């Protein structure tokens, strides 16, 4: 039997124009990194797949930091980044919600009571690309596409050993990526999505144990919109923009050091 725990789902607020069908070519994942490798290791326990309507992240080793016994709350988290390239020309993308899936083995009244799902889109732009002259200077633009704390109630009575599924409510309004030119990832523009996923559980008696037997899987709902690329708009995109965010300093063949 599959137990489904559905949070309140709000209707997506339209951006003022009709959504489009997905593009004929989907982006490719070129790199995965993690800041918490013992919870989610890029070469071992992070899986990413991209479909027209969703981006799925599978975190097979994500686990509560202890197994209960004397602790009143447990916490499991994964903070990771994926680099994407080959975005299709004249499209942009947004995240319209998510679904958290997994299997839990909870004893003695342990309960999973909250999930955090956050996705942040990053655009890194190499300013002095053609020609590249030292130092290499990169600007950074970011926007948070989705960040939700979702209350839930998995377990909490005696023991629970079953699948679960939790719907994450959509954002109040869609937060769009920049409009893609089709060259992202192969030149002066790199695109990433930072993900932060966490689960919290409580152990009221101090006697129970809580395990995510296969980690967590998150389906991030994708929506698409056709658009007209514009370089000026692209480089003014983002809720946060940092000029000269990164500078690459190195020594040339004649031992001259270049720096910002």
Protein backbone atom coordinates (compact mmCIF):
# COMPACT_ATOMS: atom_id res chain seq x y z
CA UNK A 1 0.00 0.00 0.00
CA UNK A 2 1.21 3.49 -0.79
CA UNK A 3 0.52 6.24 1.72
CA UNK A 4 0.13 9.67 0.14
CA UNK A 5 0.38 12.78 2.28
CA UNK A 6 -0.67 15.76 0.23
CA UNK A 7 0.01 19.34 1.31
CA UNK A 8 -2.32 22.13 0.27
CA UNK A 9 -1.60 22.89 -3.37
CA UNK A 10 -2.09 26.44 -4.56
CA UNK A 11 -2.80 27.23 -8.18
CA UNK A 12 0.15 28.63 -10.06
CA UNK A 13 -0.07 32.37 -10.64
CA UNK A 14 0.26 32.94 -14.36
CA UNK A 15 3.02 35.23 -15.49
CA UNK A 16 0.74 37.21 -17.81
CA UNK A 17 1.40 35.15 -20.93
CA UNK A 18 0.39 31.61 -21.84
CA UNK A 19 2.79 28.80 -20.99
CA UNK A 20 4.37 26.94 -23.90
CA UNK A 21 4.91 23.32 -24.74
CA UNK A 22 8.38 22.05 -23.70
CA UNK A 23 11.21 22.77 -26.14
CA UNK A 24 12.20 20.09 -28.66
CA UNK A 25 15.58 19.70 -26.91
CA UNK A 26 16.03 19.44 -23.15
CA UNK A 27 19.09 20.70 -21.25
CA UNK A 28 21.89 18.29 -20.36
CA UNK A 29 23.50 17.86 -16.94
CA UNK A 30 27.26 18.39 -17.23
CA UNK A 31 28.37 18.56 -13.57
CA UNK A 32 27.12 17.70 -10.08
CA UNK A 33 28.77 18.95 -6.88
CA UNK A 34 27.80 18.64 -3.21
CA UNK A 35 28.72 20.45 -0.02
CA UNK A 36 27.54 17.54 2.17
CA UNK A 37 29.19 14.47 0.57
CA UNK A 38 28.45 12.11 3.48
CA UNK A 39 24.71 12.76 2.90
CA UNK A 40 24.82 12.99 -0.88
CA UNK A 41 27.91 12.17 -2.92
CA UNK A 42 27.98 13.31 -6.58
CA UNK A 43 29.76 10.20 -7.80
CA UNK A 44 27.71 7.76 -5.78
CA UNK A 45 24.33 8.84 -4.46
CA UNK A 46 22.99 11.79 -6.48
CA UNK A 47 20.99 11.01 -9.58
CA UNK A 48 19.53 13.67 -11.88
CA UNK A 49 17.20 13.22 -14.84
CA UNK A 50 15.49 15.86 -16.97
CA UNK A 51 12.10 15.27 -18.59
CA UNK A 52 9.82 17.76 -20.36
CA UNK A 53 7.62 18.32 -17.29
CA UNK A 54 10.00 17.65 -14.41
CA UNK A 55 13.58 17.49 -13.19
CA UNK A 56 14.08 14.56 -10.80
CA UNK A 57 16.80 14.45 -8.15
CA UNK A 58 17.38 11.10 -6.42
CA UNK A 59 19.30 11.31 -3.13
CA UNK A 60 19.68 7.65 -2.22
CA UNK A 61 21.93 8.07 0.85
CA UNK A 62 20.20 11.03 2.46
CA UNK A 63 19.60 9.99 6.05
CA UNK A 64 18.80 11.35 9.49
CA UNK A 65 22.01 12.13 11.31
CA UNK A 66 21.27 9.71 14.15
CA UNK A 67 18.70 6.97 14.69
CA UNK A 68 16.85 8.58 17.58
CA UNK A 69 17.37 7.21 21.12
CA UNK A 70 17.40 10.22 23.42
CA UNK A 71 17.17 12.94 20.80
CA UNK A 72 13.92 14.83 20.35
CA UNK A 73 14.55 15.93 16.75
CA UNK A 74 16.51 14.53 13.82
CA UNK A 75 17.63 16.28 10.64
CA UNK A 76 18.67 15.06 7.19
CA UNK A 77 19.88 17.40 4.45
CA UNK A 78 21.54 17.59 1.06
CA UNK A 79 22.99 20.77 -0.44
CA UNK A 80 24.10 20.25 -4.03
CA UNK A 81 24.53 21.99 -7.39
CA UNK A 82 24.00 20.87 -10.96
CA UNK A 83 25.39 22.56 -14.06
CA UNK A 84 23.16 22.49 -17.14
CA UNK A 85 23.94 23.31 -20.74
CA UNK A 86 22.42 22.94 -24.21
CA UNK A 87 19.35 24.99 -23.31
CA UNK A 88 17.13 25.36 -26.35
CA UNK A 89 17.10 28.72 -28.12
CA UNK A 90 14.17 31.09 -27.40
CA UNK A 91 12.87 29.36 -24.26
CA UNK A 92 12.96 30.04 -20.54
CA UNK A 93 12.05 27.78 -17.62
CA UNK A 94 10.52 28.05 -14.13
CA UNK A 95 9.82 25.62 -11.27
CA UNK A 96 6.11 25.42 -10.50
CA UNK A 97 6.18 23.12 -7.47
CA UNK A 98 7.64 19.81 -6.35
CA UNK A 99 6.85 16.39 -4.93
CA UNK A 100 8.95 14.65 -2.25
CA UNK A 101 8.90 10.83 -2.35
CA UNK A 102 10.50 8.11 -0.30
CA UNK A 103 10.11 5.23 2.12
CA UNK A 104 10.36 5.64 5.90
CA UNK A 105 10.84 3.17 8.71
CA UNK A 106 9.77 4.93 11.92
CA UNK A 107 9.33 3.27 15.31
CA UNK A 108 7.96 4.21 18.73
CA UNK A 109 6.01 7.22 17.50
CA UNK A 110 8.80 8.93 15.54
CA UNK A 111 7.30 11.36 13.03
CA UNK A 112 8.63 13.23 9.99
CA UNK A 113 7.06 16.66 10.38
CA UNK A 114 8.68 18.94 7.78
CA UNK A 115 10.45 19.09 4.42
CA UNK A 116 12.45 21.99 3.01
CA UNK A 117 12.74 22.25 -0.78
CA UNK A 118 14.75 25.12 -2.26
CA UNK A 119 15.97 25.65 -5.85
CA UNK A 120 18.09 28.66 -6.88
CA UNK A 121 18.98 29.39 -10.51
CA UNK A 122 22.48 30.82 -11.14
CA UNK A 123 23.89 32.55 -14.22
CA UNK A 124 27.65 33.11 -14.30
CA UNK A 125 28.85 35.44 -17.06
CA UNK A 126 32.50 35.77 -18.08
CA UNK A 127 32.82 39.48 -18.88
CA UNK A 128 36.05 39.53 -20.88
CA UNK A 129 35.40 36.59 -23.16
CA UNK A 130 36.33 37.74 -26.66
CA UNK A 131 39.23 37.98 -26.43
CA UNK A 132 39.87 36.52 -22.98
CA UNK A 133 42.29 38.88 -21.26
CA UNK A 134 43.62 38.35 -17.75
CA UNK A 135 42.31 38.48 -15.18
CA UNK A 136 39.19 36.55 -16.12
CA UNK A 137 36.28 38.35 -14.43
CA UNK A 138 32.90 36.73 -13.83
CA UNK A 139 29.59 38.31 -12.88
CA UNK A 140 26.98 36.37 -10.91
CA UNK A 141 23.18 36.61 -11.12
CA UNK A 142 20.80 34.49 -9.05
CA UNK A 143 17.06 34.06 -8.47
CA UNK A 144 15.25 31.71 -6.10
CA UNK A 145 12.74 29.71 -8.14
CA UNK A 146 11.24 27.77 -5.25
CA UNK A 147 11.69 27.75 -1.48
CA UNK A 148 9.09 26.10 0.70
CA UNK A 149 8.89 24.65 4.19
CA UNK A 150 6.21 21.97 3.90
CA UNK A 151 4.63 20.64 7.10
CA UNK A 152 3.65 16.99 7.07
CA UNK A 153 2.76 14.17 9.46
CA UNK A 154 4.40 10.89 8.48
CA UNK A 155 4.29 8.39 11.33
CA UNK A 156 3.77 9.61 14.87
CA UNK A 157 1.69 6.66 16.08
CA UNK A 158 3.41 3.40 17.01
CA UNK A 159 5.45 2.29 13.96
CA UNK A 160 5.38 3.31 10.29
CA UNK A 161 7.07 1.35 7.50
CA UNK A 162 5.75 2.47 4.11
CA UNK A 163 6.15 4.70 1.08
CA UNK A 164 5.14 8.34 1.30
CA UNK A 165 4.58 11.20 -1.12
CA UNK A 166 4.29 14.86 -0.16
CA UNK A 167 3.22 17.64 -2.55
CA UNK A 168 5.06 20.94 -2.20
CA UNK A 169 2.90 23.97 -2.88
CA UNK A 170 3.81 26.14 -5.89
CA UNK A 171 5.49 29.52 -5.49
CA UNK A 172 3.25 32.59 -5.21
CA UNK A 173 4.35 33.51 -8.72
CA UNK A 174 6.63 31.90 -11.25
CA UNK A 175 10.28 32.95 -11.16
CA UNK A 176 11.69 32.59 -14.67
CA UNK A 177 15.21 31.87 -15.80
CA UNK A 178 16.75 34.22 -18.35
CA UNK A 179 15.67 33.69 -21.94
CA UNK A 180 18.19 31.27 -23.40
CA UNK A 181 20.33 32.03 -26.45
CA UNK A 182 21.29 28.39 -26.94
CA UNK A 183 24.99 28.95 -26.25
CA UNK A 184 24.89 28.57 -22.46
CA UNK A 185 27.52 26.19 -21.12
CA UNK A 186 29.80 26.38 -24.12
CA UNK A 187 31.20 29.90 -23.90
CA UNK A 188 31.00 32.86 -21.60
CA UNK A 189 27.73 31.93 -19.84
CA UNK A 190 27.32 29.05 -17.40
CA UNK A 191 24.03 28.04 -15.77
CA UNK A 192 23.47 26.14 -12.54
CA UNK A 193 20.70 25.22 -10.15
CA UNK A 194 21.50 25.04 -6.43
CA UNK A 195 19.27 22.65 -4.50
CA UNK A 196 18.76 22.45 -0.75
CA UNK A 197 16.63 19.55 0.46
CA UNK A 198 16.05 18.65 4.10
CA UNK A 199 13.74 16.57 6.28
CA UNK A 200 13.02 16.97 9.98
CA UNK A 201 11.65 14.36 12.36
CA UNK A 202 10.70 14.29 16.04
CA UNK A 203 11.01 11.56 18.64
CA UNK A 204 8.76 12.51 21.55
CA UNK A 205 9.60 9.48 23.67
CA UNK A 206 13.34 9.36 23.01
CA UNK A 207 12.97 5.64 22.42
CA UNK A 208 12.23 5.47 18.71
CA UNK A 209 14.25 5.28 15.53
CA UNK A 210 13.74 7.04 12.21
CA UNK A 211 15.20 5.97 8.88
CA UNK A 212 14.78 7.00 5.26
CA UNK A 213 15.36 3.55 3.85
CA UNK A 214 16.17 4.73 0.32
CA UNK A 215 16.85 8.44 0.85
CA UNK A 216 14.59 10.98 -0.83
CA UNK A 217 13.50 11.59 -4.41
CA UNK A 218 12.23 15.02 -5.44
CA UNK A 219 10.35 15.75 -8.64
CA UNK A 220 10.70 19.46 -9.48
CA UNK A 221 7.84 20.52 -11.76
CA UNK A 222 9.05 22.41 -14.84
CA UNK A 223 7.08 24.88 -16.95
CA UNK A 224 8.31 26.51 -20.13
CA UNK A 225 7.69 29.72 -22.04
CA UNK A 226 8.83 30.83 -25.46
CA UNK A 227 10.63 34.17 -25.42
CA UNK A 228 12.86 36.51 -27.40
CA UNK A 229 16.51 36.43 -26.30
CA UNK A 230 18.10 39.77 -25.53
CA UNK A 231 21.68 40.11 -24.31
CA UNK A 232 21.01 43.24 -22.27
CA UNK A 233 18.02 41.68 -20.55
CA UNK A 234 19.97 38.49 -19.87
CA UNK A 235 22.79 40.32 -18.13
CA UNK A 236 20.40 42.43 -16.06
CA UNK A 237 18.42 39.33 -15.02
CA UNK A 238 18.25 38.09 -11.43
CA UNK A 239 17.00 39.05 -7.98
CA UNK A 240 20.65 39.37 -6.91
CA UNK A 241 23.43 40.52 -9.23
CA UNK A 242 27.09 40.76 -8.22
CA UNK A 243 29.47 42.54 -10.56
CA UNK A 244 33.05 41.25 -10.59
CA UNK A 245 31.97 38.37 -8.38
CA UNK A 246 34.98 36.21 -9.25
CA UNK A 247 38.42 36.93 -10.64
CA UNK A 248 40.81 34.28 -11.91
CA UNK A 249 44.42 35.26 -11.13
CA UNK A 250 47.30 33.39 -12.70
CA UNK A 251 50.90 33.76 -13.84
CA UNK A 252 51.73 34.05 -17.52
CA UNK A 253 54.61 32.38 -19.34
CA UNK A 254 56.86 35.38 -18.62
CA UNK A 255 56.04 35.15 -14.91
CA UNK A 256 53.85 38.23 -14.91
CA UNK A 257 51.02 37.91 -12.40
CA UNK A 258 47.58 39.06 -13.41
CA UNK A 259 44.95 39.90 -10.82
CA UNK A 260 41.93 42.14 -10.31
